[in-house]
């Protein structure tokens, strides 16, 4: 891992997790996101206590958001899938 990624993965997960308004309403089957120093962490609501969160730099997160907005991943959603 690069030095920057090492620092990102060393950052504590002591902030507040955010849940998408499109997530399961009961809060037990959600992808969570938390801003951390130098980027963001993605977690799983079923594993909040574990340190298995994926971490992305600010630039990586921006690239992902722009790709999602552009529809780059639309083909990954099975036809008929509803929220």
N, C-alpha and C. Protein backbone atom coordinates (compact mmCIF):
# COMPACT_ATOMS: atom_id res chain seq x y z
N UNK A 1 0.84 -1.18 0.00
CA UNK A 1 0.00 0.00 0.00
C UNK A 1 0.88 1.24 0.00
N UNK A 2 0.38 2.31 -0.58
CA UNK A 2 1.12 3.57 -0.56
C UNK A 2 1.07 4.17 0.84
N UNK A 3 2.00 5.07 1.10
CA UNK A 3 2.05 5.74 2.39
C UNK A 3 0.73 6.45 2.69
N UNK A 4 0.15 7.07 1.64
CA UNK A 4 -1.12 7.79 1.83
C UNK A 4 -2.23 6.81 2.20
N UNK A 5 -2.29 5.66 1.52
CA UNK A 5 -3.32 4.66 1.84
C UNK A 5 -3.08 4.08 3.22
N UNK A 6 -1.82 3.88 3.61
CA UNK A 6 -1.53 3.38 4.96
C UNK A 6 -2.08 4.34 6.01
N UNK A 7 -1.88 5.64 5.79
CA UNK A 7 -2.42 6.64 6.73
C UNK A 7 -3.95 6.62 6.74
N UNK A 8 -4.53 6.45 5.55
CA UNK A 8 -5.99 6.41 5.45
C UNK A 8 -6.54 5.23 6.24
N UNK A 9 -5.91 4.06 6.12
CA UNK A 9 -6.38 2.88 6.84
C UNK A 9 -6.04 2.94 8.33
N UNK A 10 -5.13 3.82 8.72
CA UNK A 10 -4.81 3.99 10.14
C UNK A 10 -5.74 5.00 10.81
N UNK A 11 -6.46 5.78 10.01
CA UNK A 11 -7.36 6.80 10.56
C UNK A 11 -8.45 6.12 11.40
N UNK A 12 -8.73 6.66 12.58
CA UNK A 12 -9.77 6.06 13.42
C UNK A 12 -11.16 6.24 12.83
N UNK A 13 -12.02 5.28 13.11
CA UNK A 13 -13.42 5.35 12.69
C UNK A 13 -14.25 5.84 13.88
N UNK A 14 -14.03 7.08 14.25
CA UNK A 14 -14.69 7.61 15.45
C UNK A 14 -15.71 8.69 15.13
N UNK A 15 -16.10 8.80 13.87
CA UNK A 15 -17.12 9.77 13.49
C UNK A 15 -18.49 9.13 13.46
N UNK A 16 -19.41 9.78 12.82
CA UNK A 16 -20.77 9.27 12.70
C UNK A 16 -20.96 8.65 11.32
N UNK A 17 -21.46 7.43 11.30
CA UNK A 17 -21.79 6.77 10.04
C UNK A 17 -23.02 7.43 9.45
N UNK A 18 -23.03 7.59 8.13
CA UNK A 18 -24.19 8.14 7.42
C UNK A 18 -24.79 7.02 6.58
N UNK A 19 -26.12 6.99 6.54
CA UNK A 19 -26.84 5.97 5.78
C UNK A 19 -27.61 6.65 4.67
N UNK A 20 -27.62 6.06 3.51
CA UNK A 20 -28.37 6.61 2.39
C UNK A 20 -29.86 6.62 2.70
N UNK A 21 -30.54 7.65 2.24
CA UNK A 21 -31.99 7.70 2.40
C UNK A 21 -32.67 6.64 1.54
N UNK A 22 -31.93 5.99 0.64
CA UNK A 22 -32.47 4.93 -0.20
C UNK A 22 -32.26 3.55 0.43
N UNK A 23 -31.61 3.49 1.60
CA UNK A 23 -31.32 2.21 2.25
C UNK A 23 -32.57 1.60 2.87
N UNK A 24 -32.43 0.35 3.27
CA UNK A 24 -33.47 -0.37 3.99
C UNK A 24 -33.89 0.46 5.20
N UNK A 25 -35.17 0.68 5.39
CA UNK A 25 -35.68 1.52 6.45
C UNK A 25 -35.39 1.04 7.86
N UNK A 26 -35.15 -0.25 8.06
CA UNK A 26 -34.90 -0.76 9.40
C UNK A 26 -33.47 -0.54 9.86
N UNK A 27 -32.57 -0.20 8.94
CA UNK A 27 -31.20 0.10 9.30
C UNK A 27 -30.33 -1.12 9.53
N UNK A 28 -30.81 -2.31 9.16
CA UNK A 28 -30.02 -3.51 9.43
C UNK A 28 -29.42 -4.13 8.18
N UNK A 29 -29.53 -3.47 7.05
CA UNK A 29 -29.00 -4.02 5.81
C UNK A 29 -28.54 -2.87 4.91
N UNK A 30 -27.60 -2.09 5.43
CA UNK A 30 -27.24 -0.84 4.76
C UNK A 30 -25.74 -0.70 4.56
N UNK A 31 -25.40 0.01 3.50
CA UNK A 31 -24.03 0.46 3.31
C UNK A 31 -23.94 1.82 3.99
N UNK A 32 -22.89 1.99 4.78
CA UNK A 32 -22.71 3.22 5.54
C UNK A 32 -21.45 3.94 5.05
N UNK A 33 -21.41 5.25 5.23
CA UNK A 33 -20.24 6.03 4.85
C UNK A 33 -19.91 7.00 5.98
N UNK A 34 -18.60 7.21 6.18
CA UNK A 34 -18.15 8.12 7.22
C UNK A 34 -16.96 8.93 6.69
N UNK A 35 -17.03 10.25 6.80
CA UNK A 35 -15.86 11.03 6.44
C UNK A 35 -14.74 10.76 7.46
N UNK A 36 -13.52 10.57 6.96
CA UNK A 36 -12.35 10.39 7.82
C UNK A 36 -11.25 11.30 7.30
N UNK A 37 -10.22 11.44 8.08
CA UNK A 37 -9.11 12.30 7.69
C UNK A 37 -8.49 11.80 6.39
N UNK A 38 -8.59 12.58 5.31
CA UNK A 38 -8.01 12.22 4.02
C UNK A 38 -8.93 11.47 3.08
N UNK A 39 -10.16 11.22 3.49
CA UNK A 39 -11.07 10.49 2.59
C UNK A 39 -12.36 10.08 3.25
N UNK A 40 -12.84 8.91 2.88
CA UNK A 40 -14.09 8.37 3.43
C UNK A 40 -13.93 6.88 3.70
N UNK A 41 -14.75 6.38 4.62
CA UNK A 41 -14.79 4.95 4.92
C UNK A 41 -16.18 4.44 4.58
N UNK A 42 -16.25 3.24 4.00
CA UNK A 42 -17.51 2.57 3.74
C UNK A 42 -17.61 1.38 4.68
N UNK A 43 -18.74 1.25 5.33
CA UNK A 43 -18.95 0.14 6.26
C UNK A 43 -20.26 -0.57 5.97
N UNK A 44 -20.47 -1.65 6.71
CA UNK A 44 -21.67 -2.48 6.59
C UNK A 44 -22.41 -2.40 7.91
N UNK A 45 -23.69 -2.09 7.87
CA UNK A 45 -24.46 -1.93 9.10
C UNK A 45 -24.50 -3.22 9.92
N UNK A 46 -24.29 -4.37 9.29
CA UNK A 46 -24.29 -5.63 10.01
C UNK A 46 -22.95 -5.89 10.70
N UNK A 47 -21.94 -5.06 10.43
CA UNK A 47 -20.61 -5.28 10.99
C UNK A 47 -20.01 -3.97 11.50
N UNK A 48 -20.80 -3.17 12.18
CA UNK A 48 -20.32 -1.86 12.64
C UNK A 48 -19.13 -1.96 13.57
N UNK A 49 -19.08 -2.99 14.40
CA UNK A 49 -18.01 -3.11 15.37
C UNK A 49 -16.71 -3.62 14.80
N UNK A 50 -16.73 -4.15 13.61
CA UNK A 50 -15.51 -4.69 13.01
C UNK A 50 -14.79 -3.60 12.23
N UNK A 51 -13.48 -3.75 12.13
CA UNK A 51 -12.68 -2.74 11.40
C UNK A 51 -12.48 -3.18 9.95
N UNK A 52 -13.53 -3.64 9.31
CA UNK A 52 -13.42 -4.09 7.94
C UNK A 52 -13.85 -3.04 6.93
N UNK A 53 -13.94 -1.79 7.36
CA UNK A 53 -14.40 -0.74 6.47
C UNK A 53 -13.42 -0.51 5.33
N UNK A 54 -13.95 -0.34 4.14
CA UNK A 54 -13.13 0.05 2.99
C UNK A 54 -12.90 1.55 3.07
N UNK A 55 -11.73 1.99 2.67
CA UNK A 55 -11.40 3.42 2.75
C UNK A 55 -10.91 3.92 1.41
N UNK A 56 -11.37 5.11 1.06
CA UNK A 56 -11.03 5.70 -0.23
C UNK A 56 -10.58 7.14 -0.02
N UNK A 57 -9.60 7.55 -0.82
CA UNK A 57 -9.14 8.94 -0.76
C UNK A 57 -10.25 9.84 -1.32
N UNK A 58 -10.10 11.13 -1.06
CA UNK A 58 -11.07 12.10 -1.60
C UNK A 58 -11.15 12.01 -3.12
N UNK A 59 -10.00 11.87 -3.78
CA UNK A 59 -9.98 11.77 -5.26
C UNK A 59 -10.65 10.50 -5.74
N UNK A 60 -10.41 9.39 -5.06
CA UNK A 60 -11.06 8.12 -5.43
C UNK A 60 -12.58 8.23 -5.26
N UNK A 61 -13.01 8.86 -4.19
CA UNK A 61 -14.44 9.01 -3.94
C UNK A 61 -15.08 9.90 -5.01
N UNK A 62 -14.41 10.99 -5.36
CA UNK A 62 -14.92 11.88 -6.40
C UNK A 62 -15.05 11.14 -7.72
N UNK A 63 -14.03 10.36 -8.09
CA UNK A 63 -14.08 9.60 -9.34
C UNK A 63 -15.25 8.64 -9.34
N UNK A 64 -15.50 7.99 -8.21
CA UNK A 64 -16.61 7.04 -8.11
C UNK A 64 -17.96 7.77 -8.23
N UNK A 65 -18.12 8.86 -7.52
CA UNK A 65 -19.38 9.62 -7.58
C UNK A 65 -19.66 10.09 -9.01
N UNK A 66 -18.64 10.62 -9.68
CA UNK A 66 -18.84 11.08 -11.05
C UNK A 66 -19.20 9.93 -11.98
N UNK A 67 -18.60 8.75 -11.78
CA UNK A 67 -18.93 7.58 -12.59
C UNK A 67 -20.37 7.14 -12.36
N UNK A 68 -20.81 7.14 -11.10
CA UNK A 68 -22.19 6.76 -10.79
C UNK A 68 -23.16 7.75 -11.42
N UNK A 69 -22.88 9.04 -11.27
CA UNK A 69 -23.75 10.06 -11.86
C UNK A 69 -23.83 9.95 -13.38
N UNK A 70 -22.74 9.51 -14.00
CA UNK A 70 -22.71 9.37 -15.46
C UNK A 70 -23.38 8.07 -15.93
N UNK A 71 -23.79 7.21 -14.98
CA UNK A 71 -24.46 5.97 -15.36
C UNK A 71 -23.52 4.83 -15.71
N UNK A 72 -22.24 4.97 -15.38
CA UNK A 72 -21.25 3.97 -15.75
C UNK A 72 -21.56 2.59 -15.19
N UNK A 73 -22.23 2.50 -14.05
CA UNK A 73 -22.49 1.22 -13.41
C UNK A 73 -23.93 0.75 -13.54
N UNK A 74 -24.72 1.43 -14.33
CA UNK A 74 -26.12 1.06 -14.47
C UNK A 74 -26.31 -0.39 -14.92
N UNK A 75 -25.39 -0.90 -15.71
CA UNK A 75 -25.50 -2.27 -16.22
C UNK A 75 -25.36 -3.32 -15.11
N UNK A 76 -24.90 -2.92 -13.93
CA UNK A 76 -24.74 -3.85 -12.82
C UNK A 76 -26.03 -4.07 -12.03
N UNK A 77 -27.04 -3.27 -12.28
CA UNK A 77 -28.31 -3.40 -11.58
C UNK A 77 -29.21 -4.35 -12.34
N UNK A 78 -29.55 -5.49 -11.75
CA UNK A 78 -30.41 -6.45 -12.46
C UNK A 78 -31.75 -5.82 -12.83
N UNK A 79 -32.24 -6.16 -14.00
CA UNK A 79 -33.51 -5.63 -14.47
C UNK A 79 -34.61 -6.01 -13.50
N UNK A 80 -35.48 -5.07 -13.21
CA UNK A 80 -36.59 -5.30 -12.28
C UNK A 80 -36.26 -5.02 -10.83
N UNK A 81 -35.01 -4.63 -10.54
CA UNK A 81 -34.63 -4.33 -9.17
C UNK A 81 -35.29 -3.03 -8.73
N UNK A 82 -35.92 -3.07 -7.57
CA UNK A 82 -36.58 -1.89 -7.02
C UNK A 82 -36.10 -1.66 -5.59
N UNK A 83 -36.20 -0.41 -5.16
CA UNK A 83 -35.87 -0.08 -3.77
C UNK A 83 -37.06 -0.31 -2.89
